[in-house]
Amino acid sequence: MRLLEFLTSSKEKSFTADELATLSGYNKALVARVMRMMTALNFADDVGYETYKANAVTICQMEPGWLGTLMITNEWPLSYGPYIREYLRKYKPCDLTKTEPLYHFAHNGESSWETMRKDPGLKQAFDDAMTVRNKHYTVAWHEKYPAASRLSDISARFGVPPVIVDIGGNQGIDLQGFAEKNPNFQCELILQDQPETINRIQPGLDKRIKPTIYDFFKPQPVKNATIYYLKSVIHDWDDENSLALLSNTAKVMAPDSTLLVHDMVLADRHESLVRADMDILTMMALNGAERTFTEWTNLLANVNPPLKIVKVWSSPKDPQSVIEAVLADST
């Protein structure tokens, strides 16, 4: 209905339900009822009878990342959530290694990624939501993992700038954060993602970052990089697909290359609501999964060639961890 958009078009002005109805094209009574809910949620201020004004929350919610988050966490689940009971009854016992995912069931065999390819607005919302989450809600990978010191040692030892490849790195927020923290560090930063994501990158990325179109289910073109980095990628996929994309990376890793997987590592017991909820969400929407340390260990061991975990780097301020892994046969 774009009501919040109209409210923020003039931040100092108040709008009546009549005015919002004219601007939006929707019935005045409907606008008033929707705005009753919006003001109850503090998404706008009620400043008079059927009269509304933008507040700080309204302005914040109109940022692209927050709009995308609202769509991904509220509107999108409505497309598959109502099918849960029917799905559970039809496919009991619901072994997800043999049964089609819930999203496919609700969308006549279509996956989430196929939906996003057909719906640019949804894909943009997804990209924007991931960007704002990585910017505001997670502790940066290079703050958990000692990237600067490790890379400085490598640079001094080999005499060449390190290469970091961010696979499925969206709009570059993670590489940009590293670049801003290390403005004078000589390195090559390669950002890889789908064309619809790469082509929407806004100006302002650090000059060391090279956006590149890449499908991680195809052979990895960058060989022997210092670090291969995956943020919130593996949890979007089941084991079969995860093994395929991880194998494409492992096959080009040098003995001294490092794989960093920035994802959740679930507890064996007494897990938090935030992480348990994310596991269910990825399962329903993407046929993905959050994984325990044991599950991560087993998954990486089955990559071709196999990988092994060196250490898990965590922060109490972030539900995600950085899993440091290397080729299993490296010393």
C-alpha atoms as a PDB file:
ATOM      1  CA  MET A   1       0.000   0.000   0.000  1.00  0.00           C
ATOM      2  CA  ARG A   2       3.114   2.220   0.379  1.00  0.00           C
ATOM      3  CA  LEU A   3       1.586   4.112   3.325  1.00  0.00           C
ATOM      4  CA  LEU A   4       4.869   4.399   5.234  1.00  0.00           C
ATOM      5  CA  GLU A   5       6.576   5.565   2.061  1.00  0.00           C
ATOM      6  CA  PHE A   6       4.076   8.392   1.682  1.00  0.00           C
ATOM      7  CA  LEU A   7       4.450   9.358   5.342  1.00  0.00           C
ATOM      8  CA  THR A   8       8.223   9.687   4.955  1.00  0.00           C
ATOM      9  CA  SER A   9       7.957  11.692   1.734  1.00  0.00           C
ATOM     10  CA  SER A  10       7.581  14.768   3.947  1.00  0.00           C
ATOM     11  CA  LYS A  11       8.899  13.992   7.419  1.00  0.00           C
ATOM     12  CA  GLU A  12       7.563  17.163   9.045  1.00  0.00           C
ATOM     13  CA  LYS A  13       4.081  16.934   7.542  1.00  0.00           C
ATOM     14  CA  SER A  14       1.140  15.006   8.943  1.00  0.00           C
ATOM     15  CA  PHE A  15      -1.192  13.092   6.631  1.00  0.00           C
ATOM     16  CA  THR A  16      -4.892  12.381   7.032  1.00  0.00           C
ATOM     17  CA  ALA A  17      -6.472   9.084   6.070  1.00  0.00           C
ATOM     18  CA  ASP A  18      -8.117  10.951   3.177  1.00  0.00           C
ATOM     19  CA  GLU A  19      -4.729  12.141   1.898  1.00  0.00           C
ATOM     20  CA  LEU A  20      -3.156   8.714   2.229  1.00  0.00           C
ATOM     21  CA  ALA A  21      -6.146   7.176   0.420  1.00  0.00           C
ATOM     22  CA  THR A  22      -5.681   9.623  -2.467  1.00  0.00           C
ATOM     23  CA  LEU A  23      -1.932   8.989  -2.648  1.00  0.00           C
ATOM     24  CA  SER A  24      -2.185   5.203  -2.388  1.00  0.00           C
ATOM     25  CA  GLY A  25      -5.369   4.637  -4.349  1.00  0.00           C
ATOM     26  CA  TYR A  26      -6.875   2.560  -1.530  1.00  0.00           C
ATOM     27  CA  ASN A  27     -10.182   3.031   0.247  1.00  0.00           C
ATOM     28  CA  LYS A  28     -10.075   5.576   3.093  1.00  0.00           C
ATOM     29  CA  ALA A  29     -11.710   3.213   5.610  1.00  0.00           C
ATOM     30  CA  LEU A  30      -9.156   0.516   4.805  1.00  0.00           C
ATOM     31  CA  VAL A  31      -6.294   3.017   5.143  1.00  0.00           C
ATOM     32  CA  ALA A  32      -7.583   4.126   8.553  1.00  0.00           C
ATOM     33  CA  ARG A  33      -7.837   0.542   9.792  1.00  0.00           C
ATOM     34  CA  VAL A  34      -4.339  -0.330   8.567  1.00  0.00           C
ATOM     35  CA  MET A  35      -2.908   2.838  10.103  1.00  0.00           C
ATOM     36  CA  ARG A  36      -4.570   1.954  13.409  1.00  0.00           C
ATOM     37  CA  MET A  37      -2.363  -1.145  13.436  1.00  0.00           C
ATOM     38  CA  MET A  38       0.708   0.747  12.192  1.00  0.00           C
ATOM     39  CA  THR A  39       0.464   3.310  14.995  1.00  0.00           C
ATOM     40  CA  ALA A  40      -0.166   0.553  17.576  1.00  0.00           C
ATOM     41  CA  LEU A  41       3.117  -0.997  16.399  1.00  0.00           C
ATOM     42  CA  ASN A  42       4.796   2.435  16.657  1.00  0.00           C
ATOM     43  CA  PHE A  43       5.498   2.408  12.928  1.00  0.00           C
ATOM     44  CA  ALA A  44       3.993   5.911  12.813  1.00  0.00           C
ATOM     45  CA  ASP A  45       2.539   8.480  15.213  1.00  0.00           C
ATOM     46  CA  ASP A  46      -1.180   9.078  15.705  1.00  0.00           C
ATOM     47  CA  VAL A  47      -1.323  12.894  15.903  1.00  0.00           C
ATOM     48  CA  GLY A  48      -5.070  13.473  15.546  1.00  0.00           C
ATOM     49  CA  TYR A  49      -8.306  11.895  14.408  1.00  0.00           C
ATOM     50  CA  GLU A  50      -7.341   9.765  11.381  1.00  0.00           C
ATOM     51  CA  THR A  51      -4.153  11.820  11.100  1.00  0.00           C
ATOM     52  CA  TYR A  52      -0.641  10.389  11.088  1.00  0.00           C
ATOM     53  CA  LYS A  53       2.975  11.476  11.003  1.00  0.00           C
ATOM     54  CA  ALA A  54       6.268   9.718  10.387  1.00  0.00           C
ATOM     55  CA  ASN A  55       8.495   9.021  13.391  1.00  0.00           C
ATOM     56  CA  ALA A  56      12.003   7.608  13.710  1.00  0.00           C
ATOM     57  CA  VAL A  57      10.703   4.052  13.277  1.00  0.00           C
ATOM     58  CA  THR A  58       8.858   4.992  10.084  1.00  0.00           C
ATOM     59  CA  ILE A  59      12.017   6.493   8.626  1.00  0.00           C
ATOM     60  CA  CYS A  60      14.109   3.493   9.659  1.00  0.00           C
ATOM     61  CA  GLN A  61      11.633   1.009   8.187  1.00  0.00           C
ATOM     62  CA  MET A  62      11.789   2.767   4.829  1.00  0.00           C
ATOM     63  CA  GLU A  63      15.487   1.998   4.418  1.00  0.00           C
ATOM     64  CA  PRO A  64      15.855  -0.707   1.729  1.00  0.00           C
ATOM     65  CA  GLY A  65      17.348  -3.250   4.110  1.00  0.00           C
ATOM     66  CA  TRP A  66      14.530  -2.954   6.617  1.00  0.00           C
ATOM     67  CA  LEU A  67      11.878  -3.131   3.912  1.00  0.00           C
ATOM     68  CA  GLY A  68      13.532  -6.265   2.607  1.00  0.00           C
ATOM     69  CA  THR A  69      13.630  -7.741   6.100  1.00  0.00           C
ATOM     70  CA  LEU A  70       9.906  -7.099   6.564  1.00  0.00           C
ATOM     71  CA  MET A  71       9.133  -8.874   3.296  1.00  0.00           C
ATOM     72  CA  ILE A  72      11.408 -11.860   3.960  1.00  0.00           C
ATOM     73  CA  THR A  73      10.320 -12.395   7.572  1.00  0.00           C
ATOM     74  CA  ASN A  74       6.612 -11.572   7.237  1.00  0.00           C
ATOM     75  CA  GLU A  75       5.240 -11.638   3.713  1.00  0.00           C
ATOM     76  CA  TRP A  76       7.326 -14.471   2.278  1.00  0.00           C
ATOM     77  CA  PRO A  77       6.473 -17.083   4.976  1.00  0.00           C
ATOM     78  CA  LEU A  78       2.781 -16.547   4.238  1.00  0.00           C
ATOM     79  CA  SER A  79       3.345 -18.209   0.870  1.00  0.00           C
ATOM     80  CA  TYR A  80       4.297 -21.565   2.433  1.00  0.00           C
ATOM     81  CA  GLY A  81       3.314 -21.436   6.118  1.00  0.00           C
ATOM     82  CA  PRO A  82      -0.367 -22.298   5.570  1.00  0.00           C
ATOM     83  CA  TYR A  83       0.662 -25.605   3.942  1.00  0.00           C
ATOM     84  CA  ILE A  84       2.514 -27.028   6.962  1.00  0.00           C
ATOM     85  CA  ARG A  85      -0.313 -29.228   8.288  1.00  0.00           C
ATOM     86  CA  GLU A  86      -1.150 -30.623   4.853  1.00  0.00           C
ATOM     87  CA  TYR A  87       2.532 -31.254   4.145  1.00  0.00           C
ATOM     88  CA  LEU A  88       3.139 -33.091   7.444  1.00  0.00           C
ATOM     89  CA  ARG A  89       0.083 -35.313   6.903  1.00  0.00           C
ATOM     90  CA  LYS A  90       0.913 -36.159   3.295  1.00  0.00           C
ATOM     91  CA  TYR A  91       4.613 -36.906   3.737  1.00  0.00           C
ATOM     92  CA  LYS A  92       4.750 -38.429   7.232  1.00  0.00           C
ATOM     93  CA  PRO A  93       7.378 -39.290   8.545  1.00  0.00           C
ATOM     94  CA  CYS A  94       8.881 -36.438   6.459  1.00  0.00           C
ATOM     95  CA  ASP A  95      12.429 -37.660   5.919  1.00  0.00           C
ATOM     96  CA  LEU A  96      13.766 -34.532   4.224  1.00  0.00           C
ATOM     97  CA  THR A  97      16.480 -36.507   2.438  1.00  0.00           C
ATOM     98  CA  LYS A  98      13.711 -38.297   0.511  1.00  0.00           C
ATOM     99  CA  THR A  99      10.753 -35.905   0.647  1.00  0.00           C
ATOM    100  CA  GLU A 100      10.306 -32.706  -1.342  1.00  0.00           C
ATOM    101  CA  PRO A 101      10.787 -29.569   0.804  1.00  0.00           C
ATOM    102  CA  LEU A 102       7.812 -27.667   2.202  1.00  0.00           C
ATOM    103  CA  TYR A 103       8.452 -24.670  -0.052  1.00  0.00           C
ATOM    104  CA  HIS A 104       8.440 -26.875  -3.161  1.00  0.00           C
ATOM    105  CA  PHE A 105       5.192 -28.493  -1.970  1.00  0.00           C
ATOM    106  CA  ALA A 106       3.536 -25.107  -1.470  1.00  0.00           C
ATOM    107  CA  HIS A 107       4.777 -23.750  -4.811  1.00  0.00           C
ATOM    108  CA  ASN A 108       4.063 -26.663  -7.156  1.00  0.00           C
ATOM    109  CA  GLY A 109       7.623 -27.952  -7.194  1.00  0.00           C
ATOM    110  CA  GLU A 110       9.321 -24.563  -7.452  1.00  0.00           C
ATOM    111  CA  SER A 111      12.251 -23.755  -5.144  1.00  0.00           C
ATOM    112  CA  SER A 112      12.786 -20.460  -3.315  1.00  0.00           C
ATOM    113  CA  TRP A 113      15.677 -19.637  -5.639  1.00  0.00           C
ATOM    114  CA  GLU A 114      13.513 -20.238  -8.712  1.00  0.00           C
ATOM    115  CA  THR A 115      10.859 -17.938  -7.236  1.00  0.00           C
ATOM    116  CA  MET A 116      13.455 -15.218  -6.693  1.00  0.00           C
ATOM    117  CA  ARG A 117      14.750 -15.555 -10.244  1.00  0.00           C
ATOM    118  CA  LYS A 118      11.221 -14.913 -11.511  1.00  0.00           C
ATOM    119  CA  ASP A 119      10.473 -12.166  -8.968  1.00  0.00           C
ATOM    120  CA  PRO A 120      13.174  -9.457  -8.996  1.00  0.00           C
ATOM    121  CA  GLY A 121      11.412  -7.614  -6.176  1.00  0.00           C
ATOM    122  CA  LEU A 122      11.697 -10.619  -3.870  1.00  0.00           C
ATOM    123  CA  LYS A 123      15.344 -11.165  -4.843  1.00  0.00           C
ATOM    124  CA  GLN A 124      16.116  -7.518  -4.114  1.00  0.00           C
ATOM    125  CA  ALA A 125      14.345  -7.802  -0.752  1.00  0.00           C
ATOM    126  CA  PHE A 126      16.399 -10.898   0.084  1.00  0.00           C
ATOM    127  CA  ASP A 127      19.688  -9.204  -0.867  1.00  0.00           C
ATOM    128  CA  ASP A 128      18.815  -6.027   1.036  1.00  0.00           C
ATOM    129  CA  ALA A 129      17.752  -7.995   4.125  1.00  0.00           C
ATOM    130  CA  MET A 130      21.024  -9.936   4.152  1.00  0.00           C
ATOM    131  CA  THR A 131      23.025  -6.731   3.756  1.00  0.00           C
ATOM    132  CA  VAL A 132      21.350  -4.902   6.640  1.00  0.00           C
ATOM    133  CA  ARG A 133      21.613  -7.976   8.885  1.00  0.00           C
ATOM    134  CA  ASN A 134      25.318  -8.340   8.182  1.00  0.00           C
ATOM    135  CA  LYS A 135      25.856  -4.637   8.774  1.00  0.00           C
ATOM    136  CA  HIS A 136      23.929  -4.190  12.007  1.00  0.00           C
ATOM    137  CA  TYR A 137      23.260  -7.547  13.638  1.00  0.00           C
ATOM    138  CA  THR A 138      26.411  -9.626  13.357  1.00  0.00           C
ATOM    139  CA  VAL A 139      29.940  -9.299  14.691  1.00  0.00           C
ATOM    140  CA  ALA A 140      32.232  -8.971  11.678  1.00  0.00           C
ATOM    141  CA  TRP A 141      34.134 -12.090  10.617  1.00  0.00           C
ATOM    142  CA  HIS A 142      37.467 -10.275  10.864  1.00  0.00           C
ATOM    143  CA  GLU A 143      36.721  -9.347  14.479  1.00  0.00           C
ATOM    144  CA  LYS A 144      36.064 -12.960  15.495  1.00  0.00           C
ATOM    145  CA  TYR A 145      38.788 -14.490  13.358  1.00  0.00           C
ATOM    146  CA  PRO A 146      42.221 -12.778  13.647  1.00  0.00           C
ATOM    147  CA  ALA A 147      42.292 -11.930   9.951  1.00  0.00           C
ATOM    148  CA  ALA A 148      44.652  -8.963  10.033  1.00  0.00           C
ATOM    149  CA  SER A 149      47.440 -10.708  11.946  1.00  0.00           C
ATOM    150  CA  ARG A 150      47.076 -13.982  10.023  1.00  0.00           C
ATOM    151  CA  LEU A 151      47.141 -12.226   6.659  1.00  0.00           C
ATOM    152  CA  SER A 152      50.040  -9.972   7.636  1.00  0.00           C
ATOM    153  CA  ASP A 153      52.077 -13.049   8.561  1.00  0.00           C
ATOM    154  CA  ILE A 154      51.231 -14.698   5.235  1.00  0.00           C
ATOM    155  CA  SER A 155      52.082 -11.546   3.299  1.00  0.00           C
ATOM    156  CA  ALA A 156      55.454 -11.252   5.041  1.00  0.00           C
ATOM    157  CA  ARG A 157      56.236 -14.940   4.563  1.00  0.00           C
ATOM    158  CA  PHE A 158      55.408 -15.195   0.861  1.00  0.00           C
ATOM    159  CA  GLY A 159      55.990 -11.611  -0.255  1.00  0.00           C
ATOM    160  CA  VAL A 160      52.725 -11.374  -2.218  1.00  0.00           C
ATOM    161  CA  PRO A 161      49.382  -9.761  -1.321  1.00  0.00           C
ATOM    162  CA  PRO A 162      46.881 -12.237   0.152  1.00  0.00           C
ATOM    163  CA  VAL A 163      43.728 -13.060  -1.815  1.00  0.00           C
ATOM    164  CA  ILE A 164      40.329 -13.290  -0.105  1.00  0.00           C
ATOM    165  CA  VAL A 165      37.400 -14.716  -2.065  1.00  0.00           C
ATOM    166  CA  ASP A 166      33.944 -13.967  -0.654  1.00  0.00           C
ATOM    167  CA  ILE A 167      31.717 -16.631  -2.242  1.00  0.00           C
ATOM    168  CA  GLY A 168      28.056 -15.642  -2.401  1.00  0.00           C
ATOM    169  CA  GLY A 169      29.053 -12.387  -0.740  1.00  0.00           C
ATOM    170  CA  ASN A 170      25.917 -10.460  -1.699  1.00  0.00           C
ATOM    171  CA  GLN A 171      26.609  -6.742  -2.097  1.00  0.00           C
ATOM    172  CA  GLY A 172      30.047  -6.832  -0.488  1.00  0.00           C
ATOM    173  CA  ILE A 173      29.273  -5.707   3.046  1.00  0.00           C
ATOM    174  CA  ASP A 174      31.685  -8.204   4.665  1.00  0.00           C
ATOM    175  CA  LEU A 175      34.648  -7.406   2.401  1.00  0.00           C
ATOM    176  CA  GLN A 176      33.889  -3.699   2.704  1.00  0.00           C
ATOM    177  CA  GLY A 177      33.988  -3.952   6.486  1.00  0.00           C
ATOM    178  CA  PHE A 178      37.368  -5.674   6.340  1.00  0.00           C
ATOM    179  CA  ALA A 179      38.691  -3.074   3.882  1.00  0.00           C
ATOM    180  CA  GLU A 180      37.567  -0.164   6.063  1.00  0.00           C
ATOM    181  CA  LYS A 181      39.269  -1.688   9.114  1.00  0.00           C
ATOM    182  CA  ASN A 182      42.469  -2.249   7.133  1.00  0.00           C
ATOM    183  CA  PRO A 183      42.696   0.723   4.738  1.00  0.00           C
ATOM    184  CA  ASN A 184      46.410   0.353   3.978  1.00  0.00           C
ATOM    185  CA  PHE A 185      46.650  -3.422   3.792  1.00  0.00           C
ATOM    186  CA  GLN A 186      47.683  -4.681   0.362  1.00  0.00           C
ATOM    187  CA  CYS A 187      45.405  -7.514  -0.676  1.00  0.00           C
ATOM    188  CA  GLU A 188      43.061  -8.692  -3.401  1.00  0.00           C
ATOM    189  CA  LEU A 189      39.412  -8.920  -2.411  1.00  0.00           C
ATOM    190  CA  ILE A 190      37.194 -10.880  -4.804  1.00  0.00           C
ATOM    191  CA  LEU A 191      33.420 -10.675  -4.369  1.00  0.00           C
ATOM    192  CA  GLN A 192      31.395 -13.421  -6.064  1.00  0.00           C
ATOM    193  CA  ASP A 193      27.631 -13.650  -6.520  1.00  0.00           C
ATOM    194  CA  GLN A 194      24.826 -14.012  -9.047  1.00  0.00           C
ATOM    195  CA  PRO A 195      24.474 -11.373 -11.809  1.00  0.00           C
ATOM    196  CA  GLU A 196      21.239  -9.916 -10.444  1.00  0.00           C
ATOM    197  CA  THR A 197      23.049  -9.243  -7.151  1.00  0.00           C
ATOM    198  CA  ILE A 198      26.372  -8.026  -8.572  1.00  0.00           C
ATOM    199  CA  ASN A 199      24.626  -5.690 -11.014  1.00  0.00           C
ATOM    200  CA  ARG A 200      22.794  -3.950  -8.148  1.00  0.00           C
ATOM    201  CA  ILE A 201      25.908  -3.064  -6.163  1.00  0.00           C
ATOM    202  CA  GLN A 202      25.969   0.628  -5.382  1.00  0.00           C
ATOM    203  CA  PRO A 203      29.052   2.818  -5.888  1.00  0.00           C
ATOM    204  CA  GLY A 204      31.368   3.175  -2.917  1.00  0.00           C
ATOM    205  CA  LEU A 205      33.014  -0.217  -2.534  1.00  0.00           C
ATOM    206  CA  ASP A 206      36.704  -0.136  -1.666  1.00  0.00           C
ATOM    207  CA  LYS A 207      38.842  -0.134  -4.809  1.00  0.00           C
ATOM    208  CA  ARG A 208      40.488  -3.401  -3.725  1.00  0.00           C
ATOM    209  CA  ILE A 209      37.148  -5.226  -4.034  1.00  0.00           C
ATOM    210  CA  LYS A 210      36.493  -6.849  -7.424  1.00  0.00           C
ATOM    211  CA  PRO A 211      32.810  -7.809  -7.924  1.00  0.00           C
ATOM    212  CA  THR A 212      32.599 -10.957 -10.057  1.00  0.00           C
ATOM    213  CA  ILE A 213      29.661 -12.944 -11.408  1.00  0.00           C
ATOM    214  CA  TYR A 214      29.897 -16.550 -10.240  1.00  0.00           C
ATOM    215  CA  ASP A 215      27.618 -19.543  -9.635  1.00  0.00           C
ATOM    216  CA  PHE A 216      29.025 -21.544  -6.724  1.00  0.00           C
ATOM    217  CA  PHE A 217      27.671 -24.769  -8.193  1.00  0.00           C
ATOM    218  CA  LYS A 218      30.158 -24.337 -11.040  1.00  0.00           C
ATOM    219  CA  PRO A 219      33.952 -24.837 -10.817  1.00  0.00           C
ATOM    220  CA  GLN A 220      35.655 -22.137  -8.749  1.00  0.00           C
ATOM    221  CA  PRO A 221      37.769 -19.976 -11.116  1.00  0.00           C
ATOM    222  CA  VAL A 222      40.018 -18.491  -8.401  1.00  0.00           C
ATOM    223  CA  LYS A 223      42.670 -21.020  -7.482  1.00  0.00           C
ATOM    224  CA  ASN A 224      45.018 -21.096  -4.466  1.00  0.00           C
ATOM    225  CA  ALA A 225      43.460 -18.105  -2.680  1.00  0.00           C
ATOM    226  CA  THR A 226      44.576 -17.342   0.860  1.00  0.00           C
ATOM    227  CA  ILE A 227      41.038 -17.360   2.253  1.00  0.00           C
ATOM    228  CA  TYR A 228      37.776 -18.627   0.809  1.00  0.00           C
ATOM    229  CA  TYR A 229      34.901 -17.131   2.790  1.00  0.00           C
ATOM    230  CA  LEU A 230      31.243 -18.204   2.951  1.00  0.00           C
ATOM    231  CA  LYS A 231      28.825 -16.142   5.052  1.00  0.00           C
ATOM    232  CA  SER A 232      25.286 -17.450   5.636  1.00  0.00           C
ATOM    233  CA  VAL A 233      25.505 -19.629   2.535  1.00  0.00           C
ATOM    234  CA  ILE A 234      25.761 -23.242   3.667  1.00  0.00           C
ATOM    235  CA  HIS A 235      22.743 -22.974   5.982  1.00  0.00           C
ATOM    236  CA  ASP A 236      20.611 -22.276   2.895  1.00  0.00           C
ATOM    237  CA  TRP A 237      21.253 -25.746   1.467  1.00  0.00           C
ATOM    238  CA  ASP A 238      20.804 -29.409   2.323  1.00  0.00           C
ATOM    239  CA  ASP A 239      23.836 -31.672   2.696  1.00  0.00           C
ATOM    240  CA  GLU A 240      23.870 -32.802  -0.943  1.00  0.00           C
ATOM    241  CA  ASN A 241      23.996 -29.273  -2.340  1.00  0.00           C
ATOM    242  CA  SER A 242      26.324 -28.070   0.422  1.00  0.00           C
ATOM    243  CA  LEU A 243      28.801 -30.809  -0.440  1.00  0.00           C
ATOM    244  CA  ALA A 244      28.653 -29.865  -4.114  1.00  0.00           C
ATOM    245  CA  LEU A 245      29.448 -26.189  -3.588  1.00  0.00           C
ATOM    246  CA  LEU A 246      32.043 -26.870  -0.895  1.00  0.00           C
ATOM    247  CA  SER A 247      33.769 -29.398  -3.153  1.00  0.00           C
ATOM    248  CA  ASN A 248      34.063 -26.773  -5.893  1.00  0.00           C
ATOM    249  CA  THR A 249      36.009 -24.678  -3.398  1.00  0.00           C
ATOM    250  CA  ALA A 250      38.076 -27.460  -1.851  1.00  0.00           C
ATOM    251  CA  LYS A 251      39.290 -28.601  -5.277  1.00  0.00           C
ATOM    252  CA  VAL A 252      41.093 -25.293  -5.877  1.00  0.00           C
ATOM    253  CA  MET A 253      42.459 -24.781  -2.350  1.00  0.00           C
ATOM    254  CA  ALA A 254      46.208 -24.840  -1.863  1.00  0.00           C
ATOM    255  CA  PRO A 255      47.675 -26.754   1.088  1.00  0.00           C
ATOM    256  CA  ASP A 256      47.954 -23.456   2.965  1.00  0.00           C
ATOM    257  CA  SER A 257      44.543 -22.068   1.915  1.00  0.00           C
ATOM    258  CA  THR A 258      41.918 -21.497   4.606  1.00  0.00           C
ATOM    259  CA  LEU A 259      38.155 -21.912   4.328  1.00  0.00           C
ATOM    260  CA  LEU A 260      36.107 -19.701   6.648  1.00  0.00           C
ATOM    261  CA  VAL A 261      32.436 -20.614   7.047  1.00  0.00           C
ATOM    262  CA  HIS A 262      30.502 -17.902   8.881  1.00  0.00           C
ATOM    263  CA  ASP A 263      27.349 -19.651  10.096  1.00  0.00           C
ATOM    264  CA  MET A 264      25.631 -20.920  13.213  1.00  0.00           C
ATOM    265  CA  VAL A 265      27.085 -23.812  15.197  1.00  0.00           C
ATOM    266  CA  LEU A 266      24.188 -25.220  17.197  1.00  0.00           C
ATOM    267  CA  ALA A 267      24.523 -26.552  20.712  1.00  0.00           C
ATOM    268  CA  ASP A 268      23.806 -30.250  21.277  1.00  0.00           C
ATOM    269  CA  ARG A 269      21.351 -29.290  24.043  1.00  0.00           C
ATOM    270  CA  HIS A 270      19.527 -26.227  25.417  1.00  0.00           C
ATOM    271  CA  GLU A 271      19.744 -24.194  22.228  1.00  0.00           C
ATOM    272  CA  SER A 272      18.591 -20.561  22.165  1.00  0.00           C
ATOM    273  CA  LEU A 273      15.260 -19.577  20.606  1.00  0.00           C
ATOM    274  CA  VAL A 274      16.972 -17.372  18.004  1.00  0.00           C
ATOM    275  CA  ARG A 275      19.086 -20.186  16.590  1.00  0.00           C
ATOM    276  CA  ALA A 276      16.405 -22.875  16.891  1.00  0.00           C
ATOM    277  CA  ASP A 277      13.985 -20.559  15.075  1.00  0.00           C
ATOM    278  CA  MET A 278      16.501 -19.934  12.286  1.00  0.00           C
ATOM    279  CA  ASP A 279      16.949 -23.676  11.820  1.00  0.00           C
ATOM    280  CA  ILE A 280      13.199 -24.128  11.320  1.00  0.00           C
ATOM    281  CA  LEU A 281      12.991 -21.106   9.015  1.00  0.00           C
ATOM    282  CA  THR A 282      15.818 -22.311   6.759  1.00  0.00           C
ATOM    283  CA  MET A 283      14.280 -25.786   6.687  1.00  0.00           C
ATOM    284  CA  MET A 284      10.848 -24.538   5.624  1.00  0.00           C
ATOM    285  CA  ALA A 285      11.894 -21.807   3.211  1.00  0.00           C
ATOM    286  CA  LEU A 286      15.076 -23.193   1.688  1.00  0.00           C
ATOM    287  CA  ASN A 287      15.386 -26.874   2.644  1.00  0.00           C
ATOM    288  CA  GLY A 288      18.516 -25.745   4.489  1.00  0.00           C
ATOM    289  CA  ALA A 289      19.684 -26.334   8.051  1.00  0.00           C
ATOM    290  CA  GLU A 290      21.649 -24.899  10.912  1.00  0.00           C
ATOM    291  CA  ARG A 291      24.140 -27.508  12.106  1.00  0.00           C
ATOM    292  CA  THR A 292      25.802 -28.689  15.306  1.00  0.00           C
ATOM    293  CA  PHE A 293      29.587 -28.965  15.609  1.00  0.00           C
ATOM    294  CA  THR A 294      29.342 -32.708  14.958  1.00  0.00           C
ATOM    295  CA  GLU A 295      27.217 -32.135  11.867  1.00  0.00           C
ATOM    296  CA  TRP A 296      29.673 -29.533  10.572  1.00  0.00           C
ATOM    297  CA  THR A 297      32.581 -31.904  11.209  1.00  0.00           C
ATOM    298  CA  ASN A 298      30.876 -34.709   9.293  1.00  0.00           C
ATOM    299  CA  LEU A 299      29.782 -32.441   6.451  1.00  0.00           C
ATOM    300  CA  LEU A 300      33.271 -31.055   5.882  1.00  0.00           C
ATOM    301  CA  ALA A 301      34.837 -34.509   6.145  1.00  0.00           C
ATOM    302  CA  ASN A 302      32.645 -35.657   3.244  1.00  0.00           C
ATOM    303  CA  VAL A 303      33.673 -32.830   0.933  1.00  0.00           C
ATOM    304  CA  ASN A 304      35.762 -33.829  -2.090  1.00  0.00           C
ATOM    305  CA  PRO A 305      38.618 -33.436  -1.206  1.00  0.00           C
ATOM    306  CA  PRO A 306      37.894 -33.685   2.547  1.00  0.00           C
ATOM    307  CA  LEU A 307      38.202 -30.709   4.895  1.00  0.00           C
ATOM    308  CA  LYS A 308      38.846 -30.604   8.634  1.00  0.00           C
ATOM    309  CA  ILE A 309      37.946 -28.015  11.261  1.00  0.00           C
ATOM    310  CA  VAL A 310      40.875 -26.181  12.848  1.00  0.00           C
ATOM    311  CA  LYS A 311      38.913 -23.955  15.226  1.00  0.00           C
ATOM    312  CA  VAL A 312      35.539 -22.331  15.762  1.00  0.00           C
ATOM    313  CA  TRP A 313      35.750 -18.588  16.456  1.00  0.00           C
ATOM    314  CA  SER A 314      32.756 -17.193  18.334  1.00  0.00           C
ATOM    315  CA  SER A 315      31.475 -14.058  20.052  1.00  0.00           C
ATOM    316  CA  PRO A 316      28.858 -13.884  22.836  1.00  0.00           C
ATOM    317  CA  LYS A 317      27.313 -10.962  20.929  1.00  0.00           C
ATOM    318  CA  ASP A 318      26.532 -12.972  17.803  1.00  0.00           C
ATOM    319  CA  PRO A 319      24.663 -16.280  17.258  1.00  0.00           C
ATOM    320  CA  GLN A 320      26.935 -17.061  14.314  1.00  0.00           C
ATOM    321  CA  SER A 321      30.510 -18.350  14.479  1.00  0.00           C
ATOM    322  CA  VAL A 322      33.415 -18.487  12.066  1.00  0.00           C
ATOM    323  CA  ILE A 323      34.466 -22.062  11.344  1.00  0.00           C
ATOM    324  CA  GLU A 324      38.113 -22.242  10.274  1.00  0.00           C
ATOM    325  CA  ALA A 325      38.831 -25.245   8.079  1.00  0.00           C
ATOM    326  CA  VAL A 326      41.668 -26.538   5.892  1.00  0.00           C
ATOM    327  CA  LEU A 327      42.267 -29.471   3.586  1.00  0.00           C
ATOM    328  CA  ALA A 328      42.268 -32.629   5.694  1.00  0.00           C
ATOM    329  CA  ASP A 329      45.596 -33.812   4.310  1.00  0.00           C
ATOM    330  CA  SER A 330      47.375 -30.490   4.912  1.00  0.00           C
ATOM    331  CA  THR A 331      49.923 -30.326   7.707  1.00  0.00           C
END
